[in-house]
Amino acid sequence: MPRSRRPVAARQRDDGLRGVRITALVLLIVFGVVVTVITLWPGPPDPDGQRALRAFLLEAYTRGFPRWITFGAIEFAANIVMFIPIGLFGALTLPRHRWLVVLFSFAGSAAIELFQAARLAERVGTPRDVIANGLGALIGYLLALLVVLAARRRNRRRARTSTSSTTDTKPNINTSAAAPIGTVPAET
C-alpha cells in the first residue's frame, strides 16, 4: 500500500518543511493562547505599565524626545508586534494558501474588537486595532514566505548535491600510465 497518494515530487518538496510545520503549529497554539488571554482579559493589560509609559513619555518630551512617538503610536506598534507571530507561525503551518492566515487574522481581530466593545466594559474595541493586528499578521506572513523560500532553496541545493554525488562517481583510472589496449597497466 503506498505511503501517500500525493506525487513523489510533492512529498519530497514538503519533506524539508514538515518539521518547520510541526514546530510552527505548536508555536501558533502557544501564541494564540497568549493573544487570546491578552485581548479578552476583562481589564486593560498591565494598567500600571500603561500609566508608567505615559509618565515616561511626558518626562521624555521635556528632554527632547520626539513628540510623534505618542502613547497611541506605541500601542499601535504593540498591536502590530502582537500579531506578527500569528501571521508567521500560521503561514508556516499551512502547506498551501498561506495568504489565508492574513484574512483569518483580520477576521479574528475584528471578532475580538467587537467582543471587547460589546462585553468588556473596561476595554475599547477599535477599528484601528483591527488594522494594526492585520498589519502584524501580514508582516508575519511575509516573513514566513522568506522562511519557506530559504527552506526550499536549501532542499534544492541538497537534492542537487546528493544527485550529483551519486551520478558523478567515476572509476578512478590512472591515466598517467596508459597501457596498450588489451593489456593491464602496471601497478604504481
C-alpha atoms as a PDB file:
ATOM      1  CA  MET A   1       0.000   0.000   0.000  1.00  0.00           C
ATOM      2  CA  PRO A   2       1.518   3.383  -0.964  1.00  0.00           C
ATOM      3  CA  ARG A   3       2.618   5.698   1.793  1.00  0.00           C
ATOM      4  CA  SER A   4       0.873   8.702   0.293  1.00  0.00           C
ATOM      5  CA  ARG A   5      -1.350   9.413  -2.667  1.00  0.00           C
ATOM      6  CA  ARG A   6       0.493  12.629  -3.409  1.00  0.00           C
ATOM      7  CA  PRO A   7       3.120  12.548  -6.166  1.00  0.00           C
ATOM      8  CA  VAL A   8       6.660  11.736  -5.080  1.00  0.00           C
ATOM      9  CA  ALA A   9       7.919  15.180  -6.152  1.00  0.00           C
ATOM     10  CA  ALA A  10       5.368  16.914  -3.903  1.00  0.00           C
ATOM     11  CA  ARG A  11       6.251  14.664  -0.948  1.00  0.00           C
ATOM     12  CA  GLN A  12       9.956  15.350  -1.435  1.00  0.00           C
ATOM     13  CA  ARG A  13       9.362  19.098  -1.730  1.00  0.00           C
ATOM     14  CA  ASP A  14       7.401  19.139   1.533  1.00  0.00           C
ATOM     15  CA  ASP A  15       9.771  16.885   3.467  1.00  0.00           C
ATOM     16  CA  GLY A  16      12.059  19.806   4.259  1.00  0.00           C
ATOM     17  CA  LEU A  17       9.160  21.809   5.679  1.00  0.00           C
ATOM     18  CA  ARG A  18       7.441  19.095   7.721  1.00  0.00           C
ATOM     19  CA  GLY A  19       9.493  19.780  10.837  1.00  0.00           C
ATOM     20  CA  VAL A  20       9.009  23.504  10.360  1.00  0.00           C
ATOM     21  CA  ARG A  21       5.236  22.992  10.069  1.00  0.00           C
ATOM     22  CA  ILE A  22       5.040  20.949  13.264  1.00  0.00           C
ATOM     23  CA  THR A  23       7.122  23.459  15.227  1.00  0.00           C
ATOM     24  CA  ALA A  24       5.102  26.348  13.780  1.00  0.00           C
ATOM     25  CA  LEU A  25       1.834  24.664  14.784  1.00  0.00           C
ATOM     26  CA  VAL A  26       2.977  24.298  18.398  1.00  0.00           C
ATOM     27  CA  LEU A  27       4.160  27.927  18.495  1.00  0.00           C
ATOM     28  CA  LEU A  28       0.933  29.103  16.820  1.00  0.00           C
ATOM     29  CA  ILE A  29      -1.109  27.412  19.549  1.00  0.00           C
ATOM     30  CA  VAL A  30       1.057  28.973  22.280  1.00  0.00           C
ATOM     31  CA  PHE A  31       0.875  32.465  20.778  1.00  0.00           C
ATOM     32  CA  GLY A  32      -2.828  32.038  20.044  1.00  0.00           C
ATOM     33  CA  VAL A  33      -3.480  31.332  23.727  1.00  0.00           C
ATOM     34  CA  VAL A  34      -1.324  34.296  24.793  1.00  0.00           C
ATOM     35  CA  VAL A  35      -3.103  36.673  22.385  1.00  0.00           C
ATOM     36  CA  THR A  36      -6.499  35.361  23.489  1.00  0.00           C
ATOM     37  CA  VAL A  37      -5.697  35.950  27.154  1.00  0.00           C
ATOM     38  CA  ILE A  38      -4.300  39.432  26.481  1.00  0.00           C
ATOM     39  CA  THR A  39      -7.160  40.570  24.256  1.00  0.00           C
ATOM     40  CA  LEU A  40     -10.080  39.033  26.139  1.00  0.00           C
ATOM     41  CA  TRP A  41      -8.932  39.869  29.663  1.00  0.00           C
ATOM     42  CA  PRO A  42     -11.664  41.949  31.330  1.00  0.00           C
ATOM     43  CA  GLY A  43      -9.409  44.918  32.045  1.00  0.00           C
ATOM     44  CA  PRO A  44      -6.613  46.550  30.091  1.00  0.00           C
ATOM     45  CA  PRO A  45      -3.357  44.625  30.128  1.00  0.00           C
ATOM     46  CA  ASP A  46      -0.997  45.960  32.784  1.00  0.00           C
ATOM     47  CA  PRO A  47      -2.685  49.263  33.723  1.00  0.00           C
ATOM     48  CA  ASP A  48       0.282  50.177  35.956  1.00  0.00           C
ATOM     49  CA  GLY A  49       2.608  49.688  32.997  1.00  0.00           C
ATOM     50  CA  GLN A  50       0.407  51.897  30.842  1.00  0.00           C
ATOM     51  CA  ARG A  51       0.469  54.659  33.476  1.00  0.00           C
ATOM     52  CA  ALA A  52       4.238  54.303  33.781  1.00  0.00           C
ATOM     53  CA  LEU A  53       4.638  54.543  29.998  1.00  0.00           C
ATOM     54  CA  ARG A  54       2.508  57.694  29.857  1.00  0.00           C
ATOM     55  CA  ALA A  55       4.554  59.257  32.689  1.00  0.00           C
ATOM     56  CA  PHE A  56       7.796  58.249  30.944  1.00  0.00           C
ATOM     57  CA  LEU A  57       6.661  59.846  27.684  1.00  0.00           C
ATOM     58  CA  LEU A  58       5.688  63.112  29.422  1.00  0.00           C
ATOM     59  CA  GLU A  59       9.119  63.279  31.044  1.00  0.00           C
ATOM     60  CA  ALA A  60      10.876  62.284  27.823  1.00  0.00           C
ATOM     61  CA  TYR A  61       9.116  65.039  25.853  1.00  0.00           C
ATOM     62  CA  THR A  62      10.607  67.647  28.221  1.00  0.00           C
ATOM     63  CA  ARG A  63      14.060  66.253  27.366  1.00  0.00           C
ATOM     64  CA  GLY A  64      13.609  66.427  23.593  1.00  0.00           C
ATOM     65  CA  PHE A  65      12.062  63.035  22.868  1.00  0.00           C
ATOM     66  CA  PRO A  66      10.209  63.213  19.511  1.00  0.00           C
ATOM     67  CA  ARG A  67       6.578  64.147  20.103  1.00  0.00           C
ATOM     68  CA  TRP A  68       5.368  61.991  17.234  1.00  0.00           C
ATOM     69  CA  ILE A  69       6.145  58.944  19.399  1.00  0.00           C
ATOM     70  CA  THR A  70       2.926  59.012  21.388  1.00  0.00           C
ATOM     71  CA  PHE A  71       1.228  56.501  23.640  1.00  0.00           C
ATOM     72  CA  GLY A  72      -1.180  55.785  20.777  1.00  0.00           C
ATOM     73  CA  ALA A  73       1.706  55.167  18.360  1.00  0.00           C
ATOM     74  CA  ILE A  74       3.363  52.775  20.807  1.00  0.00           C
ATOM     75  CA  GLU A  75       0.057  50.976  21.380  1.00  0.00           C
ATOM     76  CA  PHE A  76      -0.461  50.691  17.600  1.00  0.00           C
ATOM     77  CA  ALA A  77       3.062  49.269  17.181  1.00  0.00           C
ATOM     78  CA  ALA A  78       2.459  46.840  20.070  1.00  0.00           C
ATOM     79  CA  ASN A  79      -0.689  45.576  18.328  1.00  0.00           C
ATOM     80  CA  ILE A  80       1.322  45.027  15.155  1.00  0.00           C
ATOM     81  CA  VAL A  81       4.056  43.173  17.037  1.00  0.00           C
ATOM     82  CA  MET A  82       1.492  41.034  18.880  1.00  0.00           C
ATOM     83  CA  PHE A  83       0.147  39.584  15.606  1.00  0.00           C
ATOM     84  CA  ILE A  84       3.469  39.052  13.778  1.00  0.00           C
ATOM     85  CA  PRO A  85       3.920  35.597  15.376  1.00  0.00           C
ATOM     86  CA  ILE A  86       0.321  34.697  14.475  1.00  0.00           C
ATOM     87  CA  GLY A  87       0.972  35.539  10.811  1.00  0.00           C
ATOM     88  CA  LEU A  88       4.398  33.890  10.797  1.00  0.00           C
ATOM     89  CA  PHE A  89       3.511  30.625  12.509  1.00  0.00           C
ATOM     90  CA  GLY A  90       0.064  30.451  10.922  1.00  0.00           C
ATOM     91  CA  ALA A  91       1.513  30.764   7.424  1.00  0.00           C
ATOM     92  CA  LEU A  92       4.247  28.225   8.172  1.00  0.00           C
ATOM     93  CA  THR A  93       1.635  25.775   9.463  1.00  0.00           C
ATOM     94  CA  LEU A  94      -0.389  25.863   6.243  1.00  0.00           C
ATOM     95  CA  PRO A  95       1.057  23.768   3.399  1.00  0.00           C
ATOM     96  CA  ARG A  96      -0.805  25.798   0.761  1.00  0.00           C
ATOM     97  CA  HIS A  97      -2.774  29.023   0.563  1.00  0.00           C
ATOM     98  CA  ARG A  98      -0.640  30.605   3.265  1.00  0.00           C
ATOM     99  CA  TRP A  99      -2.125  34.027   2.499  1.00  0.00           C
ATOM    100  CA  LEU A 100      -5.342  32.891   4.206  1.00  0.00           C
ATOM    101  CA  VAL A 101      -3.674  33.490   7.558  1.00  0.00           C
ATOM    102  CA  VAL A 102      -3.850  37.236   6.884  1.00  0.00           C
ATOM    103  CA  LEU A 103      -7.596  37.079   6.177  1.00  0.00           C
ATOM    104  CA  PHE A 104      -8.211  34.874   9.230  1.00  0.00           C
ATOM    105  CA  SER A 105      -6.192  37.275  11.375  1.00  0.00           C
ATOM    106  CA  PHE A 106      -8.206  40.277  10.183  1.00  0.00           C
ATOM    107  CA  ALA A 107     -11.447  38.393  10.837  1.00  0.00           C
ATOM    108  CA  GLY A 108     -10.277  37.138  14.228  1.00  0.00           C
ATOM    109  CA  SER A 109      -9.110  40.591  15.218  1.00  0.00           C
ATOM    110  CA  ALA A 110     -12.439  42.099  14.183  1.00  0.00           C
ATOM    111  CA  ALA A 111     -14.253  39.491  16.294  1.00  0.00           C
ATOM    112  CA  ILE A 112     -12.000  40.287  19.271  1.00  0.00           C
ATOM    113  CA  GLU A 113     -12.595  44.016  18.945  1.00  0.00           C
ATOM    114  CA  LEU A 114     -16.370  43.534  18.613  1.00  0.00           C
ATOM    115  CA  PHE A 115     -16.354  41.341  21.714  1.00  0.00           C
ATOM    116  CA  GLN A 116     -14.321  43.932  23.634  1.00  0.00           C
ATOM    117  CA  ALA A 117     -16.708  46.699  22.613  1.00  0.00           C
ATOM    118  CA  ALA A 118     -19.852  44.713  23.427  1.00  0.00           C
ATOM    119  CA  ARG A 119     -18.880  42.715  26.502  1.00  0.00           C
ATOM    120  CA  LEU A 120     -15.827  44.171  28.234  1.00  0.00           C
ATOM    121  CA  ALA A 121     -16.684  47.464  29.932  1.00  0.00           C
ATOM    122  CA  GLU A 122     -13.049  48.365  30.696  1.00  0.00           C
ATOM    123  CA  ARG A 123     -11.801  47.600  27.166  1.00  0.00           C
ATOM    124  CA  VAL A 124     -12.194  49.622  23.991  1.00  0.00           C
ATOM    125  CA  GLY A 125     -12.630  47.801  20.707  1.00  0.00           C
ATOM    126  CA  THR A 126     -11.460  49.913  17.771  1.00  0.00           C
ATOM    127  CA  PRO A 127     -11.046  49.529  14.003  1.00  0.00           C
ATOM    128  CA  ARG A 128      -7.528  50.900  14.483  1.00  0.00           C
ATOM    129  CA  ASP A 129      -6.605  47.776  16.464  1.00  0.00           C
ATOM    130  CA  VAL A 130      -8.003  45.559  13.696  1.00  0.00           C
ATOM    131  CA  ILE A 131      -5.788  47.379  11.171  1.00  0.00           C
ATOM    132  CA  ALA A 132      -2.712  47.083  13.413  1.00  0.00           C
ATOM    133  CA  ASN A 133      -3.325  43.389  14.086  1.00  0.00           C
ATOM    134  CA  GLY A 134      -3.883  42.728  10.380  1.00  0.00           C
ATOM    135  CA  LEU A 135      -0.651  44.539   9.515  1.00  0.00           C
ATOM    136  CA  GLY A 136       1.160  42.405  12.058  1.00  0.00           C
ATOM    137  CA  ALA A 137      -0.261  39.231  10.511  1.00  0.00           C
ATOM    138  CA  LEU A 138       0.748  40.479   7.051  1.00  0.00           C
ATOM    139  CA  ILE A 139       4.322  41.117   8.216  1.00  0.00           C
ATOM    140  CA  GLY A 140       4.392  37.644   9.789  1.00  0.00           C
ATOM    141  CA  TYR A 141       3.080  36.129   6.554  1.00  0.00           C
ATOM    142  CA  LEU A 142       5.807  37.867   4.540  1.00  0.00           C
ATOM    143  CA  LEU A 143       8.442  36.602   6.982  1.00  0.00           C
ATOM    144  CA  ALA A 144       7.014  33.085   6.559  1.00  0.00           C
ATOM    145  CA  LEU A 145       7.420  33.383   2.791  1.00  0.00           C
ATOM    146  CA  LEU A 146      11.108  34.166   3.329  1.00  0.00           C
ATOM    147  CA  VAL A 147      11.464  31.111   5.576  1.00  0.00           C
ATOM    148  CA  VAL A 148       9.724  28.873   3.002  1.00  0.00           C
ATOM    149  CA  LEU A 149      11.883  30.234   0.165  1.00  0.00           C
ATOM    150  CA  ALA A 150      15.060  29.638   2.174  1.00  0.00           C
ATOM    151  CA  ALA A 151      13.966  26.089   3.092  1.00  0.00           C
ATOM    152  CA  ARG A 152      13.087  25.236  -0.500  1.00  0.00           C
ATOM    153  CA  ARG A 153      16.357  26.684  -1.757  1.00  0.00           C
ATOM    154  CA  ARG A 154      18.212  24.583   0.819  1.00  0.00           C
ATOM    155  CA  ASN A 155      16.268  21.474  -0.213  1.00  0.00           C
ATOM    156  CA  ARG A 156      17.048  22.046  -3.908  1.00  0.00           C
ATOM    157  CA  ARG A 157      20.716  22.509  -3.091  1.00  0.00           C
ATOM    158  CA  ARG A 158      20.737  19.298  -1.046  1.00  0.00           C
ATOM    159  CA  ALA A 159      18.935  17.423  -3.808  1.00  0.00           C
ATOM    160  CA  ARG A 160      21.461  18.639  -6.394  1.00  0.00           C
ATOM    161  CA  THR A 161      24.465  17.694  -4.291  1.00  0.00           C
ATOM    162  CA  SER A 162      23.081  14.252  -3.429  1.00  0.00           C
ATOM    163  CA  THR A 163      22.138  13.635  -7.084  1.00  0.00           C
ATOM    164  CA  SER A 164      25.469  14.865  -8.426  1.00  0.00           C
ATOM    165  CA  SER A 165      27.479  12.879  -5.882  1.00  0.00           C
ATOM    166  CA  THR A 166      25.743   9.628  -6.899  1.00  0.00           C
ATOM    167  CA  THR A 167      25.894  10.234 -10.664  1.00  0.00           C
ATOM    168  CA  ASP A 168      29.368  11.767 -10.855  1.00  0.00           C
ATOM    169  CA  THR A 169      31.191   8.855  -9.281  1.00  0.00           C
ATOM    170  CA  LYS A 170      33.516   7.540 -11.974  1.00  0.00           C
ATOM    171  CA  PRO A 171      36.034   4.794 -11.577  1.00  0.00           C
ATOM    172  CA  ASN A 172      39.454   6.066 -10.597  1.00  0.00           C
ATOM    173  CA  ILE A 173      41.537   5.379 -13.676  1.00  0.00           C
ATOM    174  CA  ASN A 174      45.246   6.066 -13.578  1.00  0.00           C
ATOM    175  CA  THR A 175      45.802   7.871 -16.887  1.00  0.00           C
ATOM    176  CA  SER A 176      49.469   8.616 -16.263  1.00  0.00           C
ATOM    177  CA  ALA A 177      50.472   5.043 -17.043  1.00  0.00           C
ATOM    178  CA  ALA A 178      48.480   4.330 -20.179  1.00  0.00           C
ATOM    179  CA  ALA A 179      48.893   0.750 -21.368  1.00  0.00           C
ATOM    180  CA  PRO A 180      48.221  -0.574 -24.814  1.00  0.00           C
ATOM    181  CA  ILE A 181      44.722  -1.816 -25.466  1.00  0.00           C
ATOM    182  CA  GLY A 182      44.192  -5.335 -24.153  1.00  0.00           C
ATOM    183  CA  THR A 183      46.941  -5.140 -21.540  1.00  0.00           C
ATOM    184  CA  VAL A 184      46.771  -4.448 -17.852  1.00  0.00           C
ATOM    185  CA  PRO A 185      48.616  -1.348 -16.675  1.00  0.00           C
ATOM    186  CA  ALA A 186      51.388  -1.893 -14.198  1.00  0.00           C
ATOM    187  CA  GLU A 187      50.698  -1.095 -10.566  1.00  0.00           C
ATOM    188  CA  THR A 188      52.365   2.107  -9.362  1.00  0.00           C
END
